[in-house]
Amino acid sequence: MIDVLYFAWVRERIGLPRERVQTSAVTVAGLIDELRAREDRYAAAFADLSALRVALDQELSSFDAPLAGVREVAFFPPMTGG
């Protein structure tokens, strides 16, 4: 099981701040594919990956990163400077 956290508009589209997910995905991209297949709200949230960032166990990562040993995956829009 992996804790999946959603922030900002990702949370708004999915309707949840977090959930525990049972996954057979090997990479973040595989997890996203599984989530997209669940319901339209997930498909909408993950429609444009260029508008998303991901962190694994609170460290910025990439979509091709492996999930082995990961306890938490967070999805959020890019941060803006200021």
N, C-alpha and C. Protein backbone atom coordinates (compact mmCIF):
# COMPACT_ATOMS: atom_id res chain seq x y z
N MET A 1 0.85 -1.20 0.00
CA MET A 1 0.00 0.00 0.00
C MET A 1 0.88 1.24 0.00
N ILE A 2 0.45 2.22 -0.76
CA ILE A 2 1.15 3.50 -0.85
C ILE A 2 0.16 4.61 -0.51
N ASP A 3 0.61 5.57 0.28
CA ASP A 3 -0.19 6.78 0.52
C ASP A 3 -0.01 7.70 -0.66
N VAL A 4 -1.13 8.12 -1.25
CA VAL A 4 -1.09 9.05 -2.38
C VAL A 4 -1.75 10.36 -1.92
N LEU A 5 -1.00 11.45 -2.06
CA LEU A 5 -1.48 12.77 -1.64
C LEU A 5 -1.70 13.63 -2.87
N TYR A 6 -2.77 14.43 -2.81
CA TYR A 6 -3.11 15.33 -3.91
C TYR A 6 -3.18 16.75 -3.38
N PHE A 7 -2.58 17.69 -4.11
CA PHE A 7 -2.56 19.08 -3.67
C PHE A 7 -3.13 20.01 -4.73
N ALA A 8 -3.64 21.17 -4.29
CA ALA A 8 -4.13 22.25 -5.14
C ALA A 8 -5.23 21.73 -6.08
N TRP A 9 -5.15 22.07 -7.37
CA TRP A 9 -6.23 21.69 -8.29
C TRP A 9 -6.30 20.19 -8.52
N VAL A 10 -5.23 19.46 -8.26
CA VAL A 10 -5.29 18.00 -8.39
C VAL A 10 -6.28 17.45 -7.36
N ARG A 11 -6.17 17.94 -6.14
CA ARG A 11 -7.10 17.54 -5.07
C ARG A 11 -8.53 17.94 -5.42
N GLU A 12 -8.70 19.14 -5.98
CA GLU A 12 -10.04 19.61 -6.34
C GLU A 12 -10.68 18.72 -7.40
N ARG A 13 -9.90 18.30 -8.39
CA ARG A 13 -10.46 17.47 -9.46
C ARG A 13 -10.79 16.06 -8.97
N ILE A 14 -9.94 15.51 -8.11
CA ILE A 14 -10.17 14.15 -7.63
C ILE A 14 -11.17 14.13 -6.47
N GLY A 15 -11.16 15.20 -5.68
CA GLY A 15 -12.12 15.29 -4.57
C GLY A 15 -11.62 14.68 -3.28
N LEU A 16 -10.34 14.34 -3.22
CA LEU A 16 -9.74 13.76 -2.01
C LEU A 16 -8.39 14.41 -1.74
N PRO A 17 -8.05 14.62 -0.47
CA PRO A 17 -6.71 15.13 -0.17
C PRO A 17 -5.66 14.02 -0.19
N ARG A 18 -6.09 12.78 0.14
CA ARG A 18 -5.16 11.65 0.18
C ARG A 18 -5.94 10.34 0.18
N GLU A 19 -5.26 9.27 -0.17
CA GLU A 19 -5.86 7.93 -0.10
C GLU A 19 -4.74 6.90 -0.07
N ARG A 20 -5.07 5.72 0.43
CA ARG A 20 -4.13 4.60 0.40
C ARG A 20 -4.47 3.76 -0.81
N VAL A 21 -3.44 3.48 -1.61
CA VAL A 21 -3.65 2.79 -2.89
C VAL A 21 -2.87 1.48 -2.91
N GLN A 22 -3.57 0.43 -3.27
CA GLN A 22 -2.92 -0.86 -3.53
C GLN A 22 -2.54 -0.84 -5.00
N THR A 23 -1.25 -0.99 -5.30
CA THR A 23 -0.82 -0.88 -6.68
C THR A 23 0.16 -1.99 -7.05
N SER A 24 0.12 -2.35 -8.31
CA SER A 24 1.12 -3.28 -8.84
C SER A 24 2.09 -2.54 -9.75
N ALA A 25 1.97 -1.20 -9.78
CA ALA A 25 2.82 -0.38 -10.65
C ALA A 25 4.27 -0.43 -10.20
N VAL A 26 5.17 -0.39 -11.17
CA VAL A 26 6.60 -0.41 -10.90
C VAL A 26 7.17 1.01 -10.83
N THR A 27 6.54 1.93 -11.59
CA THR A 27 7.00 3.32 -11.64
C THR A 27 5.84 4.26 -11.33
N VAL A 28 6.18 5.54 -11.14
CA VAL A 28 5.15 6.56 -10.94
C VAL A 28 4.21 6.59 -12.15
N ALA A 29 4.77 6.51 -13.35
CA ALA A 29 3.94 6.53 -14.57
C ALA A 29 2.94 5.37 -14.57
N GLY A 30 3.36 4.22 -14.11
CA GLY A 30 2.46 3.07 -14.01
C GLY A 30 1.34 3.32 -13.01
N LEU A 31 1.67 3.95 -11.90
CA LEU A 31 0.66 4.31 -10.90
C LEU A 31 -0.35 5.28 -11.51
N ILE A 32 0.14 6.26 -12.25
CA ILE A 32 -0.75 7.23 -12.88
C ILE A 32 -1.68 6.51 -13.86
N ASP A 33 -1.16 5.57 -14.62
CA ASP A 33 -2.01 4.80 -15.55
C ASP A 33 -3.11 4.06 -14.79
N GLU A 34 -2.76 3.46 -13.65
CA GLU A 34 -3.77 2.77 -12.85
C GLU A 34 -4.82 3.74 -12.32
N LEU A 35 -4.38 4.90 -11.86
CA LEU A 35 -5.32 5.89 -11.33
C LEU A 35 -6.23 6.43 -12.44
N ARG A 36 -5.66 6.72 -13.60
CA ARG A 36 -6.46 7.22 -14.73
C ARG A 36 -7.57 6.26 -15.10
N ALA A 37 -7.29 4.96 -14.99
CA ALA A 37 -8.26 3.94 -15.39
C ALA A 37 -9.41 3.79 -14.40
N ARG A 38 -9.27 4.37 -13.21
CA ARG A 38 -10.30 4.24 -12.18
C ARG A 38 -11.60 4.92 -12.54
N GLU A 39 -11.52 6.22 -12.76
CA GLU A 39 -12.72 7.04 -13.00
C GLU A 39 -12.33 8.26 -13.82
N ASP A 40 -13.34 8.92 -14.37
CA ASP A 40 -13.10 10.12 -15.17
C ASP A 40 -12.41 11.22 -14.39
N ARG A 41 -12.73 11.34 -13.09
CA ARG A 41 -12.11 12.44 -12.31
C ARG A 41 -10.59 12.25 -12.21
N TYR A 42 -10.13 11.01 -12.13
CA TYR A 42 -8.69 10.74 -12.13
C TYR A 42 -8.10 11.01 -13.51
N ALA A 43 -8.80 10.59 -14.54
CA ALA A 43 -8.34 10.82 -15.90
C ALA A 43 -8.19 12.32 -16.16
N ALA A 44 -9.12 13.11 -15.66
CA ALA A 44 -9.06 14.57 -15.83
C ALA A 44 -7.87 15.15 -15.06
N ALA A 45 -7.65 14.68 -13.86
CA ALA A 45 -6.57 15.21 -13.03
C ALA A 45 -5.20 14.90 -13.62
N PHE A 46 -5.08 13.75 -14.27
CA PHE A 46 -3.78 13.33 -14.83
C PHE A 46 -3.72 13.44 -16.35
N ALA A 47 -4.58 14.27 -16.92
CA ALA A 47 -4.63 14.40 -18.38
C ALA A 47 -3.37 15.04 -18.95
N ASP A 48 -2.81 16.01 -18.25
CA ASP A 48 -1.65 16.76 -18.76
C ASP A 48 -0.51 16.67 -17.74
N LEU A 49 0.37 15.71 -17.94
CA LEU A 49 1.46 15.51 -16.98
C LEU A 49 2.46 16.65 -16.98
N SER A 50 2.50 17.45 -18.04
CA SER A 50 3.41 18.59 -18.04
C SER A 50 2.99 19.64 -17.01
N ALA A 51 1.74 19.55 -16.55
CA ALA A 51 1.23 20.49 -15.55
C ALA A 51 1.32 19.91 -14.14
N LEU A 52 2.03 18.80 -13.98
CA LEU A 52 2.13 18.12 -12.69
C LEU A 52 3.57 17.89 -12.28
N ARG A 53 3.77 17.84 -10.99
CA ARG A 53 5.05 17.41 -10.42
C ARG A 53 4.74 16.28 -9.44
N VAL A 54 5.76 15.51 -9.12
CA VAL A 54 5.58 14.39 -8.20
C VAL A 54 6.73 14.37 -7.20
N ALA A 55 6.40 14.01 -5.96
CA ALA A 55 7.41 13.81 -4.93
C ALA A 55 7.21 12.41 -4.34
N LEU A 56 8.32 11.72 -4.15
CA LEU A 56 8.31 10.40 -3.52
C LEU A 56 8.94 10.53 -2.15
N ASP A 57 8.18 10.17 -1.12
CA ASP A 57 8.65 10.32 0.26
C ASP A 57 9.23 11.72 0.48
N GLN A 58 8.52 12.72 0.00
CA GLN A 58 8.81 14.15 0.18
C GLN A 58 10.05 14.65 -0.55
N GLU A 59 10.48 13.92 -1.59
CA GLU A 59 11.59 14.38 -2.42
C GLU A 59 11.12 14.47 -3.87
N LEU A 60 11.34 15.62 -4.49
CA LEU A 60 10.94 15.82 -5.88
C LEU A 60 11.51 14.70 -6.75
N SER A 61 10.70 14.17 -7.62
CA SER A 61 11.12 13.02 -8.41
C SER A 61 10.58 13.15 -9.84
N SER A 62 10.71 12.07 -10.61
CA SER A 62 10.23 12.07 -11.99
C SER A 62 9.20 10.96 -12.17
N PHE A 63 8.48 11.04 -13.28
CA PHE A 63 7.42 10.07 -13.53
C PHE A 63 7.95 8.68 -13.86
N ASP A 64 9.23 8.58 -14.25
CA ASP A 64 9.78 7.25 -14.53
C ASP A 64 10.51 6.65 -13.32
N ALA A 65 10.39 7.32 -12.17
CA ALA A 65 11.05 6.83 -10.96
C ALA A 65 10.38 5.55 -10.46
N PRO A 66 11.19 4.62 -9.94
CA PRO A 66 10.62 3.37 -9.41
C PRO A 66 9.89 3.60 -8.09
N LEU A 67 8.87 2.77 -7.84
CA LEU A 67 8.09 2.87 -6.61
C LEU A 67 8.57 1.92 -5.52
N ALA A 68 9.54 1.09 -5.81
CA ALA A 68 10.02 0.11 -4.82
C ALA A 68 10.45 0.82 -3.54
N GLY A 69 9.86 0.42 -2.42
CA GLY A 69 10.22 0.99 -1.12
C GLY A 69 9.59 2.33 -0.81
N VAL A 70 8.85 2.90 -1.74
CA VAL A 70 8.23 4.21 -1.52
C VAL A 70 6.98 4.06 -0.66
N ARG A 71 6.85 4.94 0.32
CA ARG A 71 5.68 4.92 1.21
C ARG A 71 4.66 5.99 0.85
N GLU A 72 5.13 7.10 0.23
CA GLU A 72 4.24 8.21 -0.05
C GLU A 72 4.54 8.82 -1.41
N VAL A 73 3.47 9.04 -2.19
CA VAL A 73 3.58 9.71 -3.48
C VAL A 73 2.68 10.94 -3.42
N ALA A 74 3.22 12.10 -3.76
CA ALA A 74 2.43 13.34 -3.75
C ALA A 74 2.42 13.95 -5.14
N PHE A 75 1.23 14.36 -5.58
CA PHE A 75 1.07 15.02 -6.87
C PHE A 75 0.64 16.46 -6.65
N PHE A 76 1.25 17.39 -7.37
CA PHE A 76 0.97 18.81 -7.18
C PHE A 76 1.36 19.58 -8.44
N PRO A 77 0.80 20.78 -8.62
CA PRO A 77 1.22 21.61 -9.75
C PRO A 77 2.59 22.18 -9.50
N PRO A 78 3.27 22.64 -10.55
CA PRO A 78 4.59 23.25 -10.36
C PRO A 78 4.51 24.45 -9.42
N MET A 79 5.53 24.62 -8.63
CA MET A 79 5.58 25.76 -7.73
C MET A 79 5.98 26.99 -8.53
N THR A 80 5.42 28.12 -8.14
CA THR A 80 5.80 29.36 -8.79
C THR A 80 6.72 30.15 -7.86
N GLY A 81 7.66 30.82 -8.45
CA GLY A 81 8.59 31.62 -7.65
C GLY A 81 7.95 32.91 -7.21
N GLY A 82 8.58 33.58 -6.25
CA GLY A 82 7.98 34.83 -5.84
C GLY A 82 8.58 35.42 -4.63
